[in-house]
Structure formats: structure tokens, C-alpha cells
Amino acid sequence: MLLGEGDVPPYLWGVIAVVHHPDYVTEAPARSTYRWGKNGAIRDLLIEAGEAIAWHLPEPAARAWLEAVHDPGYVAEVLEARVPADKARRIGFPVTERVARRARVAPAGTLLAAQLALEHGFAANTAGGSHHALRDTGAGYCVFNDLAVAAARLAEEGRRVLVVDCDVHQGDGTAALLAGRDGCATYSIHAEKNFPVRKARSTLDVALPDGVGDAEYLEVLERTLAPLLDGFAPDLILYQAGVDPFAEDRLGRLALSEDGLVVRERLVAGLARARGLPLASTVGGGYGDDVMAIARRHVRSITTLGEVLSPG
């Protein structure tokens, strides 16, 4: 579904399919250290950039999609905005009605991005990448695990889905929720000593020491990801394109440069394109006081992926 008149600029049809929903942009709940303005800034920068964007609006996720990977009791707690205090502390903020609406629409956005990628080769969700959410609780600023929800739904339709997670933090929730599920595999390249303390087991984990920079990171990424792509032979990549491996990120422990992040996206996109694989990206992590600088990194990720996978 396309966004309505007034929600986006007039160039609705273009090269890069982008999924966005107004509920991605919400006021910060009380006692939250998460920078809630990031998704709105990403939207605004994409509009201002004048890129050829085809904007798409997701419907809220069906409850059954959420319950396919999350405990029904936890799903009810979130949707009814009655998440208990211990789980809210683990998430990092209280789940208000507005947060609950956002949590429900983001997984649908990732699924829609995947469906668009299957049609066009690439699509991006301007939210998502909530890879720490577990079966019966959220964690680490993640409420529902949109990657797992989308992958499970696609697998039920007979697709083979590989989640490629390049966030600086391990995709523990995604790994746990998709473990043993037919048609799903998970890859995580992350800082070994970073959150979470207890790691899950992905199909393939690549744990890096602190301070790894561009050259080593990119060499290891290509050397480890390419064989998994060939061995698992997915129909689609769900890409968690966190920009928190950036050297100056507040919650990162790696040392990628701005240019290194761009080369990372070209590498992942190039591996996908060489194999004829569609790719759907999600925002993932990126932390610090300068929200606009973080948003610019995310926008560069989207546009770089689009340049490789949606040329034209």
C-alpha cells in the first residue's frame, strides 16, 4: 500500500522501494535513553535527498504472525500496553500505547520490504532490525523481533531466508527464535565483548575483538558470508544493517569509518546480486547524541544498497 497524499513527496514511483509508517515516529516514553527521533530523521533525509523513492505503507502485523515466534502471553502484554516492569527494564523503556502501535507495525514493515524485494530485487524498511527480542520478552530496545517474524512468515510460504546481521551487537533473539526452523538460517558478525553478555548460537557467528577496523572487518565479512550464502542457498536475504560498528558509535566497540560502512553495504549487496538474491534491509542500531548524523549513516546504507541492487 502506498503512503497517502501529504505523507511523502510527489515522486511516488522510483528506483528504491522504501517502507515507512507514521507510527515509526513516536514521542519518547518516560525514562527512555533511546533516541526516538531517528526514524523520523531517516524519513526526512530520504525526502530531502531527492532520491527516486517508491514509498510503501505497511498494515499492522496480524496477531498470528507475532505469535508464530513470540509467546502469546507476551504478545498480549505488548498489544495491551501492560508489559510488567521487569520486562520494561529489560527492553529499556516502558511500553505505552504508542510504543505498542510502533512495535506492531514494524514487523509488518519488514515483511512488506521482503515481499517488495522479491519483486524488485531490493527494498528497505525505515525501522526494524529488533534482533534482541526473545520469545517471552523484549530486550535491548527491541520489543518484537521483526526479523524473526518476517523470516518465519516467509518460511511458512516455502521461502528459504537467511538473516544477515551486521549490527555491532549479536543478533541473539533472532538466532534463538529461528533456531531449528525449516527454511531459516542466521548469520551474525559482531563485537565479541559487546551486549548481550550471554550470546545465542546463530547458524554462523563471527565474533570480532574490540577495535577492528575497515580492512579486517571487510575481509572477514566476505570470507565468512560468501560460503554460507552458497551452502544455504537462500531465496532472500533479510539484512540487519546496523551502523553501530562505526568507530564513534556510543554503544559500539568496533572501528569502522563512514566509508567503511558504505563499502560494507556494497560488499553485502554485491554478494547478493552475484547470486541473483533479493535483499530487504532494516535499520538496526546506531547510537549517539547527534541524531541527524546517525540518520545520515542509515540513509547512506539504504541508498548504497539501492544503487547496487536497484540500478536504473
Protein backbone atom coordinates (compact mmCIF):
# COMPACT_ATOMS: atom_id res chain seq x y z
CA MET A 1 0.00 0.00 0.00
CA LEU A 2 1.37 3.40 -0.92
CA LEU A 3 1.51 6.23 1.58
CA GLY A 4 -1.32 8.73 1.36
CA GLU A 5 -1.21 12.18 -0.15
CA GLY A 6 0.73 14.58 2.05
CA ASP A 7 2.79 11.85 3.70
CA VAL A 8 5.51 11.77 1.03
CA PRO A 9 6.78 13.97 -1.79
CA PRO A 10 5.12 13.68 -5.21
CA TYR A 11 7.69 11.26 -6.71
CA LEU A 12 5.96 8.09 -5.51
CA TRP A 13 7.40 5.77 -8.12
CA GLY A 14 11.12 5.40 -8.44
CA VAL A 15 14.09 3.14 -8.17
CA ILE A 16 14.25 2.25 -4.46
CA ALA A 17 11.27 0.74 -2.65
CA VAL A 18 11.11 2.12 0.90
CA VAL A 19 8.65 1.08 3.60
CA HIS A 20 7.64 3.67 6.18
CA HIS A 21 4.74 4.16 8.59
CA PRO A 22 3.87 7.28 10.59
CA ASP A 23 3.76 5.14 13.76
CA TYR A 24 7.50 4.53 13.40
CA VAL A 25 7.88 8.10 14.62
CA THR A 26 6.66 8.47 18.20
CA GLU A 27 7.34 10.54 21.28
CA ALA A 28 9.90 9.16 23.69
CA PRO A 29 8.25 7.41 26.65
CA ALA A 30 9.31 8.45 30.11
CA ARG A 31 12.62 7.11 31.45
CA SER A 32 13.94 6.19 28.00
CA THR A 33 17.54 6.71 26.86
CA TYR A 34 16.77 5.51 23.31
CA ARG A 35 16.89 8.27 20.65
CA TRP A 36 13.33 8.14 19.33
CA GLY A 37 13.78 10.77 16.63
CA LYS A 38 15.96 8.57 14.42
CA ASN A 39 13.22 7.05 12.25
CA GLY A 40 11.66 10.41 11.50
CA ALA A 41 15.05 11.84 10.62
CA ILE A 42 15.68 8.94 8.24
CA ARG A 43 12.36 9.65 6.52
CA ASP A 44 13.09 13.36 6.27
CA LEU A 45 16.58 12.85 4.87
CA LEU A 46 15.29 10.44 2.23
CA ILE A 47 12.73 13.05 1.20
CA GLU A 48 15.26 15.89 1.17
CA ALA A 49 17.82 13.85 -0.74
CA GLY A 50 15.60 13.86 -3.77
CA GLU A 51 16.34 10.21 -4.47
CA ALA A 52 13.91 8.28 -6.65
CA ILE A 53 11.92 6.57 -3.89
CA ALA A 54 8.78 4.46 -4.11
CA TRP A 55 7.16 4.76 -0.69
CA HIS A 56 5.05 1.94 0.76
CA LEU A 57 2.88 1.79 3.88
CA PRO A 58 2.57 -1.42 5.91
CA GLU A 59 -0.59 -2.53 7.69
CA PRO A 60 -0.22 -3.59 11.36
CA ALA A 61 1.07 -7.13 11.74
CA ALA A 62 -1.52 -9.83 12.23
CA ARG A 63 -1.50 -11.16 15.77
CA ALA A 64 -0.90 -14.67 14.45
CA TRP A 65 2.35 -13.53 12.79
CA LEU A 66 3.65 -12.24 16.12
CA GLU A 67 2.53 -15.36 17.99
CA ALA A 68 4.34 -17.57 15.48
CA VAL A 69 7.63 -16.55 17.15
CA HIS A 70 6.63 -14.85 20.42
CA ASP A 71 4.74 -16.25 23.40
CA PRO A 72 1.03 -15.32 23.08
CA GLY A 73 1.04 -14.01 26.65
CA TYR A 74 3.88 -11.62 25.88
CA VAL A 75 2.19 -10.53 22.65
CA ALA A 76 -0.92 -9.68 24.67
CA GLU A 77 1.14 -7.73 27.22
CA VAL A 78 2.60 -5.57 24.47
CA LEU A 79 -0.53 -5.02 22.41
CA GLU A 80 -2.49 -4.11 25.54
CA ALA A 81 0.35 -1.89 26.82
CA ARG A 82 0.65 -3.74 30.13
CA VAL A 83 4.22 -5.05 29.94
CA PRO A 84 5.40 -5.65 33.51
CA ALA A 85 8.15 -3.52 35.00
CA ASP A 86 10.84 -6.20 34.88
CA LYS A 87 10.36 -6.72 31.15
CA ALA A 88 10.18 -2.97 30.53
CA ARG A 89 13.54 -2.59 32.28
CA ARG A 90 14.98 -5.30 30.06
CA ILE A 91 13.59 -3.56 26.97
CA GLY A 92 14.94 -0.19 28.13
CA PHE A 93 11.68 1.79 28.21
CA PRO A 94 8.01 1.36 29.18
CA VAL A 95 5.63 0.06 26.53
CA THR A 96 2.98 2.74 26.14
CA GLU A 97 0.06 2.54 23.70
CA ARG A 98 2.09 4.47 21.11
CA VAL A 99 5.11 2.20 21.58
CA ALA A 100 2.80 -0.81 21.23
CA ARG A 101 1.46 0.53 17.91
CA ARG A 102 5.01 1.03 16.68
CA ALA A 103 6.02 -2.46 17.82
CA ARG A 104 3.13 -4.00 15.89
CA VAL A 105 3.67 -2.17 12.62
CA ALA A 106 7.48 -2.55 12.37
CA PRO A 107 7.42 -6.36 11.79
CA ALA A 108 4.81 -5.85 9.09
CA GLY A 109 7.13 -3.27 7.55
CA THR A 110 10.00 -5.75 7.42
CA LEU A 111 7.74 -8.39 5.89
CA LEU A 112 6.47 -5.90 3.31
CA ALA A 113 10.06 -4.92 2.49
CA ALA A 114 10.86 -8.60 1.95
CA GLN A 115 7.86 -9.02 -0.35
CA LEU A 116 8.87 -5.92 -2.31
CA ALA A 117 12.45 -7.18 -2.54
CA LEU A 118 11.23 -10.45 -4.01
CA GLU A 119 9.50 -8.38 -6.70
CA HIS A 120 12.07 -5.63 -7.28
CA GLY A 121 15.39 -7.00 -6.01
CA PHE A 122 15.72 -4.62 -3.08
CA ALA A 123 13.57 -2.80 -0.54
CA ALA A 124 14.28 -1.07 2.75
CA ASN A 125 12.29 -0.70 5.94
CA THR A 126 12.94 2.63 7.74
CA ALA A 127 12.56 0.81 11.07
CA GLY A 128 13.15 -2.76 12.25
CA GLY A 129 16.22 -4.79 12.98
CA SER A 130 14.97 -5.53 16.52
CA HIS A 131 17.21 -8.53 16.92
CA HIS A 132 17.34 -8.80 20.74
CA ALA A 133 13.65 -9.53 21.35
CA LEU A 134 13.13 -13.07 22.66
CA ARG A 135 10.14 -15.39 22.84
CA ASP A 136 8.60 -14.06 26.05
CA THR A 137 10.25 -10.67 26.50
CA GLY A 138 11.84 -7.80 24.70
CA ALA A 139 15.41 -6.66 25.38
CA GLY A 140 17.96 -4.06 24.33
CA TYR A 141 15.48 -1.51 22.89
CA CYS A 142 13.68 -4.30 21.00
CA VAL A 143 10.02 -5.18 21.65
CA PHE A 144 9.04 -7.64 18.91
CA ASN A 145 11.64 -9.33 16.71
CA ASP A 146 10.63 -8.16 13.24
CA LEU A 147 13.39 -10.18 11.55
CA ALA A 148 12.17 -13.43 13.09
CA VAL A 149 8.51 -12.59 12.44
CA ALA A 150 9.19 -11.88 8.77
CA ALA A 151 11.50 -14.86 8.29
CA ALA A 152 9.03 -17.26 9.91
CA ARG A 153 6.19 -15.96 7.77
CA LEU A 154 8.22 -16.28 4.59
CA ALA A 155 9.39 -19.77 5.56
CA GLU A 156 5.77 -20.82 6.03
CA GLU A 157 5.24 -19.79 2.42
CA GLY A 158 8.08 -22.08 1.33
CA ARG A 159 10.89 -19.49 1.12
CA ARG A 160 14.43 -20.05 2.31
CA VAL A 161 15.52 -16.99 4.29
CA LEU A 162 18.96 -16.00 5.54
CA VAL A 163 19.14 -13.24 8.15
CA VAL A 164 22.44 -11.40 7.73
CA ASP A 165 23.10 -9.32 10.85
CA CYS A 166 25.92 -6.76 10.68
CA ASP A 167 24.92 -4.82 13.79
CA VAL A 168 27.76 -4.43 16.31
CA HIS A 169 25.69 -6.49 18.80
CA GLN A 170 24.99 -10.17 18.30
CA GLY A 171 21.54 -11.00 16.94
CA ASP A 172 20.77 -13.22 19.90
CA GLY A 173 16.99 -13.02 19.75
CA THR A 174 16.84 -13.75 16.05
CA ALA A 175 19.19 -16.70 16.45
CA ALA A 176 17.15 -18.14 19.32
CA LEU A 177 13.75 -17.62 17.69
CA LEU A 178 14.74 -19.10 14.33
CA ALA A 179 16.92 -21.96 15.61
CA GLY A 180 15.74 -25.25 14.14
CA ARG A 181 13.07 -23.60 12.00
CA ASP A 182 12.94 -25.08 8.49
CA GLY A 183 13.93 -22.69 5.77
CA CYS A 184 15.67 -20.21 8.08
CA ALA A 185 19.34 -19.53 8.82
CA THR A 186 21.11 -16.76 10.71
CA TYR A 187 24.48 -15.01 10.36
CA SER A 188 25.84 -12.51 12.88
CA ILE A 189 29.11 -10.58 12.72
CA HIS A 190 29.56 -8.56 15.90
CA ALA A 191 31.87 -7.32 18.65
CA GLU A 192 32.59 -10.31 20.88
CA LYS A 193 32.68 -8.34 24.16
CA ASN A 194 29.59 -6.25 23.48
CA PHE A 195 25.95 -6.74 24.53
CA PRO A 196 24.43 -9.24 25.08
CA VAL A 197 26.64 -10.87 27.68
CA ARG A 198 25.03 -14.24 27.01
CA LYS A 199 25.21 -14.96 23.31
CA ALA A 200 22.84 -17.27 21.47
CA ARG A 201 24.01 -19.62 18.72
CA SER A 202 23.42 -18.41 15.18
CA THR A 203 23.86 -20.68 12.19
CA LEU A 204 27.16 -18.82 11.88
CA ASP A 205 28.57 -16.38 14.42
CA VAL A 206 31.61 -14.23 13.66
CA ALA A 207 32.82 -12.63 16.90
CA LEU A 208 35.36 -9.84 16.48
CA PRO A 209 37.78 -8.35 19.02
CA ASP A 210 37.47 -4.70 20.04
CA GLY A 211 38.80 -2.10 17.66
CA VAL A 212 38.59 -3.99 14.38
CA GLY A 213 38.69 -1.50 11.51
CA ASP A 214 37.65 -1.39 7.88
CA ALA A 215 40.17 -3.67 6.19
CA GLU A 216 39.99 -6.58 8.63
CA TYR A 217 36.22 -6.32 9.07
CA LEU A 218 35.51 -6.36 5.34
CA GLU A 219 37.92 -9.25 4.70
CA VAL A 220 36.34 -11.35 7.44
CA LEU A 221 32.80 -10.48 6.34
CA GLU A 222 33.38 -11.59 2.76
CA ARG A 223 35.36 -14.68 3.75
CA THR A 224 32.67 -15.96 6.12
CA LEU A 225 29.43 -14.81 4.50
CA ALA A 226 30.05 -15.95 0.92
CA PRO A 227 30.36 -19.68 1.79
CA LEU A 228 27.19 -19.54 3.90
CA LEU A 229 25.26 -17.98 1.03
CA ASP A 230 26.44 -20.74 -1.27
CA GLY A 231 25.89 -23.52 1.24
CA PHE A 232 22.45 -22.49 2.49
CA ALA A 233 21.24 -21.16 -0.89
CA PRO A 234 18.53 -18.80 0.38
CA ASP A 235 15.76 -17.29 -1.73
CA LEU A 236 16.05 -13.99 0.13
CA ILE A 237 18.37 -12.09 2.48
CA LEU A 238 16.94 -10.14 5.41
CA TYR A 239 19.70 -7.68 6.20
CA GLN A 240 20.12 -6.07 9.62
CA ALA A 241 22.14 -3.06 8.53
CA GLY A 242 23.04 -1.58 11.89
CA VAL A 243 25.51 1.31 11.62
CA ASP A 244 26.82 0.93 15.17
CA PRO A 245 30.11 -0.71 14.07
CA PHE A 246 31.06 2.93 13.35
CA ALA A 247 34.14 3.93 15.35
CA GLU A 248 32.42 6.79 17.18
CA ASP A 249 29.17 4.99 18.00
CA ARG A 250 28.19 5.33 21.65
CA LEU A 251 27.41 1.61 22.07
CA GLY A 252 29.91 0.12 19.63
CA ARG A 253 33.31 -1.46 20.18
CA LEU A 254 34.48 -1.70 16.58
CA ALA A 255 36.20 0.97 14.47
CA LEU A 256 34.65 1.19 11.03
CA SER A 257 34.84 4.53 9.22
CA GLU A 258 31.98 6.22 7.38
CA ASP A 259 33.49 4.98 4.13
CA GLY A 260 33.93 1.51 5.63
CA LEU A 261 30.20 1.29 6.31
CA VAL A 262 29.49 2.22 2.70
CA VAL A 263 31.91 -0.43 1.41
CA ARG A 264 30.25 -2.94 3.75
CA GLU A 265 26.90 -2.28 2.07
CA ARG A 266 28.43 -2.59 -1.39
CA LEU A 267 30.02 -5.88 -0.36
CA VAL A 268 26.81 -7.40 1.04
CA ALA A 269 24.77 -6.13 -1.90
CA GLY A 270 27.38 -7.36 -4.36
CA LEU A 271 27.35 -10.85 -2.86
CA ALA A 272 23.56 -10.88 -3.15
CA ARG A 273 23.49 -9.55 -6.70
CA ALA A 274 26.13 -12.00 -7.91
CA ARG A 275 23.83 -14.82 -6.78
CA GLY A 276 20.60 -13.27 -8.00
CA LEU A 277 19.31 -12.91 -4.45
CA PRO A 278 16.79 -10.26 -3.43
CA LEU A 279 17.63 -8.35 -0.26
CA ALA A 280 15.45 -6.47 2.22
CA SER A 281 17.19 -4.19 4.72
CA THR A 282 16.23 -3.00 8.18
CA VAL A 283 17.67 -0.10 10.14
CA GLY A 284 19.18 -1.75 13.22
CA GLY A 285 21.45 0.02 15.68
CA GLY A 286 23.13 3.39 15.64
CA TYR A 287 23.64 5.37 18.85
CA GLY A 288 24.87 8.76 19.98
CA ASP A 289 23.78 12.30 20.73
CA ASP A 290 23.77 13.53 17.13
CA VAL A 291 20.56 12.00 15.78
CA MET A 292 20.95 13.57 12.35
CA ALA A 293 24.47 12.17 11.92
CA ILE A 294 23.19 8.70 12.82
CA ALA A 295 20.24 9.06 10.46
CA ARG A 296 22.59 10.08 7.65
CA ARG A 297 24.53 6.83 8.12
CA HIS A 298 21.31 4.85 7.87
CA VAL A 299 20.24 6.75 4.75
CA ARG A 300 23.63 6.13 3.14
CA SER A 301 23.13 2.44 3.88
CA ILE A 302 19.74 2.41 2.15
CA THR A 303 20.86 4.41 -0.88
CA THR A 304 24.09 2.44 -1.28
CA LEU A 305 22.24 -0.87 -1.20
CA GLY A 306 19.75 0.54 -3.67
CA GLU A 307 22.48 1.70 -6.04
CA VAL A 308 23.79 -1.86 -6.30
CA LEU A 309 20.54 -3.82 -6.17
CA SER A 310 18.03 -1.42 -7.75
CA PRO A 311 20.03 0.27 -10.52
CA GLY A 312 18.19 2.25 -13.11
